[in-house]
């Protein structure tokens, strides 16, 4: 005997209840999602600030100019120091052996060798990555974050490669580095010429 029961649809009250529940879930989850993205932005700003502080401190400790090299478009940065190519590669060697300059020119090893009285050739110096596993390698910011631009004495730059340099005494020029996320949250890092810390503030660099 065929069943006399029929399939029935949702009532208006049931549909309204579902809508209310979905709205409540969205109201609770959406702020958390926004807070999570903002937390990522703050974490990236903190990491960049640590790199800037490290570059300044190392410049003073080694009496050597350092800089933070930034690829604004690709979202990467690393710390570099002014040195020769030979010294840079030697410092990055896995065994970290110290260079023994002049060993192959020691006249005592070969008494018959003529003395070379020419002045030593001064090796050209350029910026190379610092011999540090973390700061000397490229750090890539989170995919949810991007570089907006850098404001310095050269003006406002939004693309390409830029640097924030520190002299051997740790001084630098005033710069503003701005980062943001897809939700239009912006954070600015202020690099002061004389202060030994980087200030972080919400908002745009050019506000």
Protein backbone atom coordinates (compact mmCIF):
# COMPACT_ATOMS: atom_id res chain seq x y z
CA UNK A 1 0.00 0.00 0.00
CA UNK A 2 1.55 3.32 -1.03
CA UNK A 3 2.49 5.70 1.73
CA UNK A 4 0.12 8.55 2.25
CA UNK A 5 2.85 10.83 3.66
CA UNK A 6 3.99 13.64 1.38
CA UNK A 7 7.29 15.54 1.24
CA UNK A 8 6.92 19.01 2.66
CA UNK A 9 9.19 22.08 2.27
CA UNK A 10 10.63 24.44 4.83
CA UNK A 11 8.29 26.77 6.60
CA UNK A 12 8.84 30.51 6.63
CA UNK A 13 9.84 30.39 10.30
CA UNK A 14 12.44 27.69 9.64
CA UNK A 15 13.96 29.67 6.76
CA UNK A 16 14.11 32.83 8.88
CA UNK A 17 15.82 30.86 11.66
CA UNK A 18 18.48 29.64 9.23
CA UNK A 19 19.08 33.18 7.99
CA UNK A 20 19.42 34.48 11.54
CA UNK A 21 21.92 31.75 12.45
CA UNK A 22 24.03 32.43 9.36
CA UNK A 23 24.03 36.16 10.13
CA UNK A 24 25.20 35.45 13.68
CA UNK A 25 28.01 33.20 12.46
CA UNK A 26 29.15 35.85 9.98
CA UNK A 27 28.96 38.60 12.62
CA UNK A 28 31.18 36.58 14.93
CA UNK A 29 33.64 35.30 12.31
CA UNK A 30 34.15 38.43 10.20
CA UNK A 31 35.74 40.57 12.95
CA UNK A 32 38.05 37.70 13.88
CA UNK A 33 39.17 37.42 10.25
CA UNK A 34 39.89 41.14 10.12
CA UNK A 35 41.76 41.00 13.42
CA UNK A 36 43.84 38.08 12.13
CA UNK A 37 44.88 40.03 9.03
CA UNK A 38 45.76 43.08 11.10
CA UNK A 39 47.85 40.88 13.40
CA UNK A 40 49.79 39.59 10.39
CA UNK A 41 50.43 43.17 9.26
CA UNK A 42 51.74 44.13 12.71
CA UNK A 43 53.95 41.03 12.83
CA UNK A 44 55.51 41.91 9.47
CA UNK A 45 56.14 45.48 10.63
CA UNK A 46 57.83 44.15 13.77
CA UNK A 47 60.08 41.81 11.75
CA UNK A 48 61.13 44.62 9.40
CA UNK A 49 61.83 46.88 12.38
CA UNK A 50 64.04 44.17 13.92
CA UNK A 51 66.05 43.99 10.69
CA UNK A 52 66.51 47.77 10.68
CA UNK A 53 67.62 47.73 14.32
CA UNK A 54 70.06 44.90 13.61
CA UNK A 55 71.53 46.74 10.60
CA UNK A 56 72.07 49.90 12.66
CA UNK A 57 73.62 48.03 15.60
CA UNK A 58 75.92 45.96 13.37
CA UNK A 59 77.07 49.09 11.54
CA UNK A 60 78.18 50.59 14.85
CA UNK A 61 79.77 47.40 16.16
CA UNK A 62 81.79 46.79 13.00
CA UNK A 63 82.39 50.48 12.11
CA UNK A 64 81.13 49.57 8.63
CA UNK A 65 78.22 51.05 6.69
CA UNK A 66 75.20 48.74 6.44
CA UNK A 67 71.89 48.99 4.66
CA UNK A 68 68.52 47.29 4.37
CA UNK A 69 67.98 46.35 0.73
CA UNK A 70 64.26 46.19 -0.15
CA UNK A 71 62.55 44.88 -3.27
CA UNK A 72 59.26 46.75 -3.09
CA UNK A 73 57.58 44.87 -5.90
CA UNK A 74 58.58 41.32 -4.92
CA UNK A 75 58.17 41.92 -1.19
CA UNK A 76 61.63 40.86 -0.04
CA UNK A 77 64.43 42.44 1.98
CA UNK A 78 67.85 41.62 3.44
CA UNK A 79 70.73 43.33 5.25
CA UNK A 80 73.93 44.16 3.37
CA UNK A 81 77.30 45.56 4.42
CA UNK A 82 79.99 47.53 2.62
CA UNK A 83 82.95 45.23 2.04
CA UNK A 84 85.10 43.66 -0.65
CA UNK A 85 83.98 40.69 -2.69
CA UNK A 86 86.76 38.52 -1.27
CA UNK A 87 85.89 39.35 2.32
CA UNK A 88 82.18 38.85 1.66
CA UNK A 89 82.56 35.36 0.21
CA UNK A 90 85.08 34.38 2.86
CA UNK A 91 82.66 35.43 5.60
CA UNK A 92 79.88 33.40 4.02
CA UNK A 93 82.01 30.25 3.77
CA UNK A 94 80.65 27.30 5.67
CA UNK A 95 83.80 26.74 7.71
CA UNK A 96 84.08 30.48 8.62
CA UNK A 97 87.86 30.30 8.44
CA UNK A 98 89.63 33.61 8.87
CA UNK A 99 91.44 35.00 5.86
CA UNK A 100 95.22 34.78 6.05
CA UNK A 101 96.22 37.76 3.92
CA UNK A 102 99.67 37.81 2.40
CA UNK A 103 100.59 34.16 3.01
CA UNK A 104 101.39 33.59 -0.65
CA UNK A 105 103.53 36.74 -0.78
CA UNK A 106 105.75 35.91 2.19
CA UNK A 107 109.38 36.28 0.87
CA UNK A 108 110.65 33.92 3.58
CA UNK A 109 108.97 31.00 1.83
CA UNK A 110 111.13 31.61 -1.22
CA UNK A 111 114.30 33.59 -0.42
CA UNK A 112 115.12 33.92 -4.14
CA UNK A 113 111.80 35.53 -4.98
CA UNK A 114 112.10 39.21 -5.88
CA UNK A 115 110.47 41.64 -3.49
CA UNK A 116 107.33 43.30 -4.82
CA UNK A 117 107.68 46.94 -3.82
CA UNK A 118 104.51 48.06 -5.53
CA UNK A 119 101.79 49.43 -3.23
CA UNK A 120 98.97 46.97 -2.63
CA UNK A 121 95.98 47.29 -4.89
CA UNK A 122 92.98 48.57 -2.99
CA UNK A 123 90.11 46.16 -3.50
CA UNK A 124 86.84 47.69 -4.58
CA UNK A 125 84.16 47.75 -1.94
CA UNK A 126 80.49 47.22 -2.54
CA UNK A 127 77.45 46.06 -0.60
CA UNK A 128 77.14 42.32 0.00
CA UNK A 129 74.80 40.29 2.25
CA UNK A 130 75.91 40.11 5.87
CA UNK A 131 77.20 36.69 7.02
CA UNK A 132 74.06 35.88 8.98
CA UNK A 133 71.69 33.02 8.19
CA UNK A 134 68.56 35.05 8.91
CA UNK A 135 69.38 38.68 8.18
CA UNK A 136 71.75 38.02 5.29
CA UNK A 137 69.16 36.04 3.32
CA UNK A 138 66.04 37.45 1.70
CA UNK A 139 63.03 37.62 3.99
CA UNK A 140 59.72 37.58 2.14
CA UNK A 141 56.71 39.27 3.67
CA UNK A 142 53.42 37.40 4.00
CA UNK A 143 51.28 37.10 0.86
CA UNK A 144 48.54 39.10 2.60
CA UNK A 145 50.91 42.08 3.05
CA UNK A 146 52.70 44.31 0.55
CA UNK A 147 55.08 47.26 0.47
CA UNK A 148 53.32 50.51 -0.41
CA UNK A 149 56.43 52.62 -0.75
CA UNK A 150 59.37 54.44 0.82
CA UNK A 151 59.62 58.15 1.53
CA UNK A 152 63.13 59.58 1.89
CA UNK A 153 65.29 62.45 0.65
CA UNK A 154 64.96 60.94 -2.84
CA UNK A 155 61.18 61.43 -2.69
CA UNK A 156 58.34 58.92 -2.68
CA UNK A 157 59.15 55.58 -4.33
CA UNK A 158 56.52 52.88 -4.90
CA UNK A 159 58.31 50.33 -7.07
CA UNK A 160 61.66 48.78 -7.78
CA UNK A 161 64.54 48.42 -5.36
CA UNK A 162 65.29 50.83 -2.53
CA UNK A 163 67.72 50.94 0.40
CA UNK A 164 67.75 52.35 3.91
CA UNK A 165 71.40 52.96 4.76
CA UNK A 166 73.26 53.32 8.05
CA UNK A 167 76.67 54.93 8.37
CA UNK A 168 79.46 53.43 10.47
CA UNK A 169 78.29 55.48 13.46
CA UNK A 170 74.70 54.27 13.08
CA UNK A 171 73.27 57.50 11.69
CA UNK A 172 70.84 57.51 8.79
CA UNK A 173 68.46 59.82 7.01
CA UNK A 174 64.83 60.18 8.01
CA UNK A 175 62.72 57.65 6.11
CA UNK A 176 59.17 56.36 6.15
CA UNK A 177 58.45 52.79 5.04
CA UNK A 178 54.78 51.95 4.50
CA UNK A 179 53.21 48.50 4.34
CA UNK A 180 49.56 47.50 3.96
CA UNK A 181 47.20 44.57 3.49
CA UNK A 182 44.25 43.79 1.20
CA UNK A 183 41.78 45.24 3.73
CA UNK A 184 43.40 48.68 3.36
CA UNK A 185 45.06 48.57 6.76
CA UNK A 186 48.27 50.58 6.66
CA UNK A 187 51.30 50.72 8.97
CA UNK A 188 54.26 53.06 8.73
CA UNK A 189 57.77 52.53 10.09
CA UNK A 190 59.60 55.75 10.95
CA UNK A 191 63.39 55.52 10.77
CA UNK A 192 64.89 58.41 12.71
CA UNK A 193 68.41 59.71 11.92
CA UNK A 194 69.74 59.45 15.48
CA UNK A 195 67.39 57.20 17.45
CA UNK A 196 68.36 53.56 17.99
CA UNK A 197 64.82 52.27 17.49
CA UNK A 198 62.22 52.25 14.74
CA UNK A 199 58.83 53.74 15.51
CA UNK A 200 55.73 51.90 14.30
CA UNK A 201 52.49 53.81 13.81
CA UNK A 202 49.16 53.03 12.13
CA UNK A 203 48.25 54.94 9.00
CA UNK A 204 49.85 56.01 5.78
CA UNK A 205 53.31 57.47 5.42
CA UNK A 206 52.04 60.53 3.60
CA UNK A 207 48.97 61.25 5.75
